[in-house]
């Protein structure tokens, strides 16, 4: 296939047209312009055509693609001086509306800083607190222990690793319970 009229610059003029029937037949639909909005079948598509540039046009076609890409990658910035400097042309007017996305981010930051400001207690004191907690309830999740003790997560993980067994299976799956040697020691005291 060859274009009849000459294009500008690097536009290819010769194309190869390949026809294939190896696809699912489709139909063309149209919607009436009246208020009813009824759909009707206009026709059926039976063949699929691929239009490719010929090998002799590849260099000029590649140049055209590069020019087009570089043209749209460069954004022309425009500066406009506003005569009325009161900010009335800006939307929203400064100081009137705080977008909710900024509020949500602010909340998230404050929650993280609050969690990071947990102070560690003495290890002996924490062990006593942990034994008291496990006397009242035999199984705890890490989240529950963090909430009850208000200790940093990593510190609590290290402590739990030394004092507890993690339940992988059963009805108490995902919880910690005291090691047997600490259970006996708690009973004898």
Protein backbone atom coordinates (compact mmCIF):
# COMPACT_ATOMS: atom_id res chain seq x y z
CA UNK A 1 0.00 0.00 0.00
CA UNK A 2 1.33 3.42 -0.90
CA UNK A 3 0.07 6.85 0.17
CA UNK A 4 -1.14 8.94 -2.78
CA UNK A 5 -0.27 12.37 -1.40
CA UNK A 6 3.11 13.20 0.02
CA UNK A 7 3.27 13.71 3.76
CA UNK A 8 5.53 16.04 5.64
CA UNK A 9 9.17 15.19 6.35
CA UNK A 10 9.69 11.71 7.76
CA UNK A 11 6.18 10.27 7.32
CA UNK A 12 6.50 6.88 5.59
CA UNK A 13 4.76 6.60 2.24
CA UNK A 14 4.83 2.81 1.69
CA UNK A 15 3.23 0.24 4.01
CA UNK A 16 2.78 -3.51 4.03
CA UNK A 17 -0.75 -4.77 4.66
CA UNK A 18 -1.11 -8.25 6.14
CA UNK A 19 -4.50 -9.92 6.46
CA UNK A 20 -5.23 -12.67 8.99
CA UNK A 21 -8.33 -14.61 9.97
CA UNK A 22 -6.97 -16.05 13.22
CA UNK A 23 -9.06 -14.02 15.62
CA UNK A 24 -12.57 -14.12 17.06
CA UNK A 25 -15.09 -12.41 14.76
CA UNK A 26 -16.46 -9.18 16.20
CA UNK A 27 -19.47 -6.99 15.54
CA UNK A 28 -19.79 -3.23 15.17
CA UNK A 29 -22.54 -1.65 17.28
CA UNK A 30 -24.07 1.80 17.22
CA UNK A 31 -26.30 3.66 19.62
CA UNK A 32 -29.17 5.77 18.31
CA UNK A 33 -28.94 9.48 18.98
CA UNK A 34 -32.53 9.65 20.18
CA UNK A 35 -33.34 9.74 23.89
CA UNK A 36 -34.16 6.00 23.94
CA UNK A 37 -30.52 4.95 23.56
CA UNK A 38 -31.23 1.75 21.62
CA UNK A 39 -28.30 -0.34 20.36
CA UNK A 40 -28.17 -1.88 16.91
CA UNK A 41 -25.66 -4.05 15.01
CA UNK A 42 -24.07 -2.18 12.12
CA UNK A 43 -21.85 -4.92 10.73
CA UNK A 44 -19.48 -7.81 11.37
CA UNK A 45 -15.69 -7.84 11.27
CA UNK A 46 -14.38 -10.99 9.64
CA UNK A 47 -10.75 -10.19 8.78
CA UNK A 48 -7.95 -8.50 10.69
CA UNK A 49 -5.37 -6.31 8.94
CA UNK A 50 -1.92 -5.31 10.18
CA UNK A 51 -0.33 -2.28 8.61
CA UNK A 52 3.48 -2.17 8.87
CA UNK A 53 6.02 0.23 7.48
CA UNK A 54 8.21 -1.24 4.77
CA UNK A 55 11.86 -1.94 5.52
CA UNK A 56 13.03 0.88 3.26
CA UNK A 57 11.01 3.33 5.42
CA UNK A 58 12.27 2.07 8.79
CA UNK A 59 14.98 4.70 9.23
CA UNK A 60 12.68 7.61 8.43
CA UNK A 61 9.88 6.10 10.53
CA UNK A 62 12.24 5.66 13.50
CA UNK A 63 13.30 9.30 13.15
CA UNK A 64 9.63 10.36 13.08
CA UNK A 65 8.92 8.39 16.28
CA UNK A 66 11.94 9.93 18.06
CA UNK A 67 10.91 13.45 17.00
CA UNK A 68 7.34 12.86 18.17
CA UNK A 69 8.49 11.47 21.52
CA UNK A 70 10.95 14.31 22.17
CA UNK A 71 8.30 16.88 21.19
CA UNK A 72 5.81 15.58 23.74
CA UNK A 73 8.42 15.02 26.46
CA UNK A 74 9.39 18.70 26.46
CA UNK A 75 6.70 20.68 28.18
CA UNK A 76 6.55 24.33 27.34
CA UNK A 77 6.21 26.20 30.60
CA UNK A 78 4.47 29.51 30.51
CA UNK A 79 4.77 32.28 33.04
CA UNK A 80 1.83 34.59 33.42
CA UNK A 81 1.84 37.72 35.55
CA UNK A 82 -1.36 38.18 37.53
CA UNK A 83 -2.35 41.80 37.98
CA UNK A 84 -4.60 41.18 41.00
CA UNK A 85 -2.17 39.84 43.62
CA UNK A 86 -4.81 39.27 46.33
CA UNK A 87 -5.02 35.56 45.55
CA UNK A 88 -8.65 35.66 44.43
CA UNK A 89 -7.77 33.96 41.13
CA UNK A 90 -6.20 31.03 42.95
CA UNK A 91 -8.37 28.08 43.90
CA UNK A 92 -8.76 27.34 46.74
CA UNK A 93 -8.04 30.68 48.30
CA UNK A 94 -4.98 30.34 50.55
CA UNK A 95 -5.85 29.47 54.13
CA UNK A 96 -9.51 28.62 53.53
CA UNK A 97 -9.41 24.88 52.79
CA UNK A 98 -6.91 22.27 53.91
CA UNK A 99 -7.11 19.24 51.61
CA UNK A 100 -7.95 16.01 53.42
CA UNK A 101 -4.91 14.24 51.95
CA UNK A 102 -2.65 16.56 54.00
CA UNK A 103 -4.64 15.90 57.15
CA UNK A 104 -4.41 12.12 56.70
CA UNK A 105 -0.65 12.28 56.17
CA UNK A 106 -0.27 14.43 59.25
CA UNK A 107 -2.23 11.94 61.36
CA UNK A 108 -0.11 9.04 60.14
CA UNK A 109 3.11 10.83 61.01
CA UNK A 110 1.91 11.68 64.51
CA UNK A 111 0.89 8.05 65.14
CA UNK A 112 4.33 6.79 64.10
CA UNK A 113 6.14 9.34 66.21
CA UNK A 114 3.99 8.39 69.21
CA UNK A 115 4.87 4.72 68.73
CA UNK A 116 8.54 5.56 68.40
CA UNK A 117 8.55 7.52 71.67
CA UNK A 118 7.77 4.50 73.86
CA UNK A 119 10.39 4.24 76.55
CA UNK A 120 11.96 0.97 77.64
CA UNK A 121 11.57 -0.19 81.17
CA UNK A 122 14.18 -2.16 83.07
CA UNK A 123 14.36 -5.78 81.87
CA UNK A 124 13.79 -7.23 85.37
CA UNK A 125 10.75 -5.01 85.86
CA UNK A 126 9.38 -6.04 82.44
CA UNK A 127 9.85 -9.72 83.26
CA UNK A 128 7.76 -9.27 86.41
CA UNK A 129 5.05 -7.45 84.45
CA UNK A 130 5.06 -10.24 81.83
CA UNK A 131 4.74 -12.95 84.51
CA UNK A 132 1.80 -11.06 86.05
CA UNK A 133 0.10 -10.74 82.66
CA UNK A 134 0.53 -14.46 81.94
CA UNK A 135 -0.90 -15.35 85.37
CA UNK A 136 -4.15 -13.63 84.45
CA UNK A 137 -4.29 -14.94 80.85
CA UNK A 138 -2.24 -17.83 79.49
CA UNK A 139 -2.06 -16.74 75.80
CA UNK A 140 -1.24 -13.32 74.35
CA UNK A 141 -0.58 -11.94 70.88
CA UNK A 142 2.34 -9.60 70.35
CA UNK A 143 -0.05 -6.70 69.60
CA UNK A 144 -1.91 -7.28 72.87
CA UNK A 145 1.35 -7.34 74.81
CA UNK A 146 2.50 -4.10 73.18
CA UNK A 147 -0.80 -2.43 74.10
CA UNK A 148 -0.75 -3.72 77.68
CA UNK A 149 2.88 -2.91 78.43
CA UNK A 150 3.37 0.18 76.21
CA UNK A 151 6.88 -0.97 75.33
CA UNK A 152 8.79 -0.74 72.02
CA UNK A 153 7.99 -3.63 69.71
CA UNK A 154 11.57 -4.83 69.19
CA UNK A 155 12.31 -4.82 72.94
CA UNK A 156 9.14 -6.81 73.58
CA UNK A 157 10.00 -9.29 70.81
CA UNK A 158 13.38 -9.96 72.40
CA UNK A 159 11.80 -10.43 75.82
CA UNK A 160 9.07 -12.73 74.49
CA UNK A 161 11.67 -14.80 72.64
CA UNK A 162 13.43 -15.50 75.96
CA UNK A 163 10.31 -16.10 78.10
CA UNK A 164 7.67 -17.59 75.79
CA UNK A 165 6.78 -20.23 73.23
CA UNK A 166 5.02 -19.22 70.02
CA UNK A 167 1.96 -21.35 69.15
CA UNK A 168 1.98 -22.22 65.43
CA UNK A 169 -0.98 -24.60 65.50
CA UNK A 170 -4.16 -25.33 67.39
CA UNK A 171 -6.80 -23.14 68.95
CA UNK A 172 -4.19 -20.67 70.28
CA UNK A 173 -2.45 -20.20 66.94
CA UNK A 174 -0.55 -16.92 66.63
CA UNK A 175 -0.21 -16.39 70.39
CA UNK A 176 2.56 -16.66 72.95
CA UNK A 177 2.52 -18.61 76.21
CA UNK A 178 5.13 -18.90 78.95
CA UNK A 179 7.79 -21.58 78.65
CA UNK A 180 7.16 -24.55 81.01
CA UNK A 181 10.11 -23.67 83.27
CA UNK A 182 8.65 -20.22 83.93
CA UNK A 183 5.18 -21.63 84.55
CA UNK A 184 6.57 -23.87 87.30
CA UNK A 185 8.57 -21.02 88.79
CA UNK A 186 5.47 -18.82 88.88
CA UNK A 187 3.43 -21.56 90.60
CA UNK A 188 6.11 -22.21 93.30
CA UNK A 189 6.42 -18.53 94.19
